[in-house]
Amino acid sequence: MTLPQAFTSSYWVFTAERFGVGLFIGGLLPTANAMVGRLVSRADRGAIYGMTSSAMFMGNSLGPLMGGAIAASFGLRWVFLLTAAVMAANLVWVYYRVPEYRG
């Protein structure tokens, strides 16, 4: 849902795409937390959940700052192109590094 946002020229289509991103994130966060819970020992879960929450909040702070800098420097389209590239790289990393992902 991120990549098409770079090429949208309609406000309403862009709004629908952003809504779709929100739906996907709403499903992704609990799934990621469940995966972390399965991959980490019970004794370490509190510390790991603290780190994942800190990383999420850091991303919520730095993401808009970096997005604004990218948009100001290169244009708004590049925010979505770079976000899609980072998400694709993350997909490849998870596929090869997280054994639980391949089932």
N, C-alpha and C. Protein backbone atom coordinates (compact mmCIF):
# COMPACT_ATOMS: atom_id res chain seq x y z
N MET A 1 0.82 -1.20 0.00
CA MET A 1 0.00 0.00 0.00
C MET A 1 0.85 1.26 0.00
N THR A 2 2.14 1.14 0.27
CA THR A 2 2.98 2.33 0.33
C THR A 2 3.40 2.80 -1.06
N LEU A 3 3.85 1.90 -1.88
CA LEU A 3 4.36 2.27 -3.20
C LEU A 3 3.33 3.00 -4.07
N PRO A 4 2.08 2.57 -4.14
CA PRO A 4 1.12 3.30 -4.98
C PRO A 4 0.90 4.75 -4.56
N GLN A 5 1.17 5.06 -3.30
CA GLN A 5 0.98 6.43 -2.83
C GLN A 5 1.93 7.41 -3.54
N ALA A 6 3.05 6.90 -4.02
CA ALA A 6 4.01 7.77 -4.70
C ALA A 6 3.48 8.24 -6.04
N PHE A 7 2.51 7.54 -6.60
CA PHE A 7 2.04 7.85 -7.95
C PHE A 7 0.59 8.31 -7.99
N THR A 8 0.00 8.58 -6.85
CA THR A 8 -1.40 9.00 -6.79
C THR A 8 -1.52 10.49 -7.04
N SER A 9 -2.48 10.85 -7.89
CA SER A 9 -2.71 12.27 -8.15
C SER A 9 -4.05 12.73 -7.60
N SER A 10 -4.85 11.82 -7.06
CA SER A 10 -6.16 12.14 -6.52
C SER A 10 -6.12 12.14 -4.99
N TYR A 11 -6.68 13.16 -4.41
CA TYR A 11 -6.74 13.26 -2.95
C TYR A 11 -7.49 12.08 -2.35
N TRP A 12 -8.63 11.72 -2.94
CA TRP A 12 -9.46 10.66 -2.37
C TRP A 12 -8.81 9.29 -2.51
N VAL A 13 -8.12 9.05 -3.61
CA VAL A 13 -7.40 7.78 -3.75
C VAL A 13 -6.26 7.73 -2.74
N PHE A 14 -5.55 8.82 -2.57
CA PHE A 14 -4.48 8.88 -1.58
C PHE A 14 -5.02 8.63 -0.18
N THR A 15 -6.17 9.21 0.14
CA THR A 15 -6.79 9.00 1.44
C THR A 15 -7.15 7.54 1.64
N ALA A 16 -7.68 6.89 0.62
CA ALA A 16 -8.02 5.47 0.71
C ALA A 16 -6.75 4.63 0.89
N GLU A 17 -5.68 5.00 0.21
CA GLU A 17 -4.42 4.27 0.37
C GLU A 17 -3.86 4.44 1.78
N ARG A 18 -3.95 5.62 2.31
CA ARG A 18 -3.48 5.85 3.69
C ARG A 18 -4.33 5.05 4.68
N PHE A 19 -5.63 4.97 4.43
CA PHE A 19 -6.51 4.16 5.28
C PHE A 19 -6.08 2.69 5.21
N GLY A 20 -5.76 2.21 4.02
CA GLY A 20 -5.28 0.84 3.84
C GLY A 20 -3.99 0.59 4.61
N VAL A 21 -3.08 1.56 4.58
CA VAL A 21 -1.83 1.43 5.34
C VAL A 21 -2.15 1.29 6.82
N GLY A 22 -3.10 2.08 7.31
CA GLY A 22 -3.49 1.99 8.72
C GLY A 22 -4.05 0.62 9.07
N LEU A 23 -4.83 0.05 8.17
CA LEU A 23 -5.37 -1.29 8.40
C LEU A 23 -4.25 -2.33 8.47
N PHE A 24 -3.30 -2.23 7.54
CA PHE A 24 -2.20 -3.18 7.55
C PHE A 24 -1.34 -3.05 8.80
N ILE A 25 -1.07 -1.83 9.21
CA ILE A 25 -0.27 -1.63 10.43
C ILE A 25 -1.03 -2.14 11.64
N GLY A 26 -2.35 -1.96 11.65
CA GLY A 26 -3.17 -2.47 12.74
C GLY A 26 -3.09 -3.98 12.87
N GLY A 27 -2.86 -4.68 11.78
CA GLY A 27 -2.68 -6.12 11.83
C GLY A 27 -1.25 -6.54 12.02
N LEU A 28 -0.34 -5.70 11.58
CA LEU A 28 1.08 -6.04 11.64
C LEU A 28 1.65 -5.96 13.05
N LEU A 29 1.30 -4.94 13.80
CA LEU A 29 1.89 -4.74 15.12
C LEU A 29 1.58 -5.88 16.09
N PRO A 30 0.33 -6.33 16.22
CA PRO A 30 0.09 -7.47 17.11
C PRO A 30 0.78 -8.75 16.62
N THR A 31 0.85 -8.93 15.32
CA THR A 31 1.52 -10.11 14.78
C THR A 31 3.01 -10.08 15.09
N ALA A 32 3.63 -8.91 14.94
CA ALA A 32 5.05 -8.78 15.25
C ALA A 32 5.30 -9.02 16.74
N ASN A 33 4.44 -8.50 17.59
CA ASN A 33 4.60 -8.73 19.02
C ASN A 33 4.42 -10.21 19.37
N ALA A 34 3.48 -10.88 18.72
CA ALA A 34 3.30 -12.32 18.97
C ALA A 34 4.53 -13.10 18.52
N MET A 35 5.11 -12.71 17.39
CA MET A 35 6.31 -13.39 16.91
C MET A 35 7.48 -13.18 17.87
N VAL A 36 7.63 -11.97 18.36
CA VAL A 36 8.68 -11.69 19.34
C VAL A 36 8.47 -12.55 20.58
N GLY A 37 7.22 -12.65 21.03
CA GLY A 37 6.92 -13.47 22.20
C GLY A 37 7.26 -14.94 22.01
N ARG A 38 7.12 -15.43 20.80
CA ARG A 38 7.43 -16.85 20.53
C ARG A 38 8.92 -17.09 20.35
N LEU A 39 9.65 -16.08 19.93
CA LEU A 39 11.08 -16.26 19.65
C LEU A 39 11.97 -15.98 20.85
N VAL A 40 11.43 -15.39 21.91
CA VAL A 40 12.23 -14.97 23.06
C VAL A 40 11.79 -15.77 24.28
N SER A 41 12.76 -16.08 25.14
CA SER A 41 12.42 -16.82 26.35
C SER A 41 11.51 -15.98 27.25
N ARG A 42 10.75 -16.66 28.08
CA ARG A 42 9.82 -15.99 28.99
C ARG A 42 10.52 -14.98 29.90
N ALA A 43 11.72 -15.30 30.32
CA ALA A 43 12.47 -14.43 31.23
C ALA A 43 12.91 -13.13 30.56
N ASP A 44 13.10 -13.16 29.24
CA ASP A 44 13.59 -11.98 28.50
C ASP A 44 12.48 -11.17 27.85
N ARG A 45 11.25 -11.61 27.90
CA ARG A 45 10.18 -10.94 27.17
C ARG A 45 9.96 -9.49 27.59
N GLY A 46 10.01 -9.22 28.88
CA GLY A 46 9.79 -7.84 29.34
C GLY A 46 10.81 -6.88 28.76
N ALA A 47 12.07 -7.27 28.80
CA ALA A 47 13.13 -6.41 28.26
C ALA A 47 12.99 -6.25 26.75
N ILE A 48 12.68 -7.34 26.06
CA ILE A 48 12.55 -7.27 24.60
C ILE A 48 11.35 -6.44 24.20
N TYR A 49 10.21 -6.61 24.90
CA TYR A 49 9.04 -5.78 24.59
C TYR A 49 9.32 -4.31 24.86
N GLY A 50 10.11 -4.03 25.89
CA GLY A 50 10.52 -2.65 26.15
C GLY A 50 11.35 -2.08 25.01
N MET A 51 12.26 -2.91 24.47
CA MET A 51 13.08 -2.45 23.34
C MET A 51 12.23 -2.26 22.08
N THR A 52 11.29 -3.17 21.83
CA THR A 52 10.46 -3.01 20.63
C THR A 52 9.56 -1.78 20.75
N SER A 53 9.05 -1.52 21.95
CA SER A 53 8.24 -0.30 22.15
C SER A 53 9.07 0.95 21.97
N SER A 54 10.29 0.93 22.50
CA SER A 54 11.18 2.09 22.33
C SER A 54 11.51 2.31 20.86
N ALA A 55 11.77 1.22 20.14
CA ALA A 55 12.07 1.35 18.71
C ALA A 55 10.86 1.89 17.95
N MET A 56 9.66 1.45 18.32
CA MET A 56 8.45 1.93 17.65
C MET A 56 8.26 3.43 17.89
N PHE A 57 8.43 3.85 19.12
CA PHE A 57 8.25 5.27 19.42
C PHE A 57 9.36 6.12 18.81
N MET A 58 10.57 5.59 18.74
CA MET A 58 11.64 6.31 18.06
C MET A 58 11.31 6.47 16.58
N GLY A 59 10.78 5.42 15.98
CA GLY A 59 10.36 5.49 14.58
C GLY A 59 9.23 6.49 14.38
N ASN A 60 8.30 6.53 15.34
CA ASN A 60 7.20 7.50 15.25
C ASN A 60 7.69 8.94 15.38
N SER A 61 8.83 9.14 16.01
CA SER A 61 9.41 10.48 16.14
C SER A 61 10.32 10.82 14.97
N LEU A 62 11.22 9.90 14.64
CA LEU A 62 12.20 10.18 13.58
C LEU A 62 11.61 10.07 12.18
N GLY A 63 10.61 9.22 12.01
CA GLY A 63 10.01 9.03 10.69
C GLY A 63 9.48 10.31 10.07
N PRO A 64 8.63 11.05 10.78
CA PRO A 64 8.14 12.31 10.21
C PRO A 64 9.25 13.34 9.99
N LEU A 65 10.24 13.36 10.88
CA LEU A 65 11.35 14.31 10.69
C LEU A 65 12.13 13.97 9.41
N MET A 66 12.44 12.69 9.24
CA MET A 66 13.17 12.27 8.04
C MET A 66 12.30 12.42 6.80
N GLY A 67 11.01 12.08 6.93
CA GLY A 67 10.10 12.23 5.80
C GLY A 67 9.99 13.68 5.36
N GLY A 68 9.91 14.59 6.32
CA GLY A 68 9.86 16.01 5.99
C GLY A 68 11.13 16.49 5.31
N ALA A 69 12.27 16.01 5.79
CA ALA A 69 13.55 16.40 5.18
C ALA A 69 13.65 15.85 3.76
N ILE A 70 13.22 14.61 3.56
CA ILE A 70 13.27 14.02 2.22
C ILE A 70 12.31 14.76 1.29
N ALA A 71 11.10 15.05 1.77
CA ALA A 71 10.12 15.76 0.94
C ALA A 71 10.61 17.15 0.59
N ALA A 72 11.23 17.84 1.53
CA ALA A 72 11.73 19.19 1.27
C ALA A 72 12.90 19.17 0.29
N SER A 73 13.71 18.11 0.35
CA SER A 73 14.90 18.04 -0.49
C SER A 73 14.62 17.48 -1.88
N PHE A 74 13.78 16.45 -1.96
CA PHE A 74 13.62 15.72 -3.21
C PHE A 74 12.19 15.71 -3.74
N GLY A 75 11.22 16.02 -2.92
CA GLY A 75 9.82 15.98 -3.33
C GLY A 75 9.06 14.92 -2.54
N LEU A 76 7.77 15.10 -2.42
CA LEU A 76 6.93 14.23 -1.62
C LEU A 76 6.92 12.79 -2.13
N ARG A 77 6.98 12.61 -3.43
CA ARG A 77 6.96 11.26 -4.01
C ARG A 77 8.07 10.39 -3.45
N TRP A 78 9.24 11.00 -3.20
CA TRP A 78 10.40 10.23 -2.73
C TRP A 78 10.21 9.69 -1.32
N VAL A 79 9.37 10.32 -0.53
CA VAL A 79 9.08 9.80 0.81
C VAL A 79 8.49 8.40 0.69
N PHE A 80 7.53 8.23 -0.20
CA PHE A 80 6.86 6.94 -0.36
C PHE A 80 7.74 5.94 -1.09
N LEU A 81 8.53 6.39 -2.04
CA LEU A 81 9.44 5.48 -2.74
C LEU A 81 10.50 4.92 -1.78
N LEU A 82 11.08 5.77 -0.97
CA LEU A 82 12.09 5.31 -0.02
C LEU A 82 11.47 4.45 1.08
N THR A 83 10.28 4.80 1.53
CA THR A 83 9.61 3.98 2.53
C THR A 83 9.33 2.59 1.97
N ALA A 84 8.87 2.51 0.73
CA ALA A 84 8.61 1.21 0.10
C ALA A 84 9.90 0.41 -0.03
N ALA A 85 11.01 1.06 -0.36
CA ALA A 85 12.30 0.36 -0.48
C ALA A 85 12.75 -0.18 0.88
N VAL A 86 12.60 0.60 1.93
CA VAL A 86 12.98 0.15 3.27
C VAL A 86 12.10 -1.02 3.70
N MET A 87 10.82 -0.95 3.39
CA MET A 87 9.91 -2.05 3.76
C MET A 87 10.23 -3.31 2.97
N ALA A 88 10.59 -3.18 1.71
CA ALA A 88 10.98 -4.34 0.92
C ALA A 88 12.26 -4.97 1.47
N ALA A 89 13.22 -4.13 1.85
CA ALA A 89 14.46 -4.65 2.45
C ALA A 89 14.15 -5.37 3.76
N ASN A 90 13.22 -4.82 4.55
CA ASN A 90 12.82 -5.47 5.80
C ASN A 90 12.15 -6.82 5.52
N LEU A 91 11.34 -6.90 4.48
CA LEU A 91 10.70 -8.16 4.12
C LEU A 91 11.74 -9.23 3.80
N VAL A 92 12.75 -8.85 3.02
CA VAL A 92 13.81 -9.80 2.67
C VAL A 92 14.58 -10.21 3.92
N TRP A 93 14.88 -9.26 4.79
CA TRP A 93 15.61 -9.57 6.03
C TRP A 93 14.82 -10.54 6.90
N VAL A 94 13.52 -10.27 7.09
CA VAL A 94 12.70 -11.16 7.92
C VAL A 94 12.62 -12.54 7.30
N TYR A 95 12.47 -12.62 6.00
CA TYR A 95 12.37 -13.92 5.33
C TYR A 95 13.60 -14.78 5.57
N TYR A 96 14.77 -14.18 5.49
CA TYR A 96 16.00 -14.95 5.62
C TYR A 96 16.52 -15.08 7.05
N ARG A 97 16.14 -14.19 7.94
CA ARG A 97 16.72 -14.19 9.29
C ARG A 97 15.79 -14.71 10.38
N VAL A 98 14.50 -14.73 10.15
CA VAL A 98 13.56 -15.17 11.17
C VAL A 98 13.04 -16.54 10.78
N PRO A 99 13.49 -17.59 11.48
CA PRO A 99 13.11 -18.94 11.09
C PRO A 99 11.61 -19.20 11.17
N GLU A 100 10.94 -18.56 12.07
CA GLU A 100 9.50 -18.74 12.25
C GLU A 100 8.72 -18.27 11.02
N TYR A 101 9.27 -17.35 10.26
CA TYR A 101 8.55 -16.77 9.12
C TYR A 101 8.31 -17.81 8.02
N ARG A 102 9.28 -18.64 7.77
CA ARG A 102 9.16 -19.61 6.68
C ARG A 102 8.30 -20.81 7.06
N GLY A 103 7.95 -20.92 8.32
CA GLY A 103 7.05 -21.97 8.77
C GLY A 103 7.71 -23.29 8.81
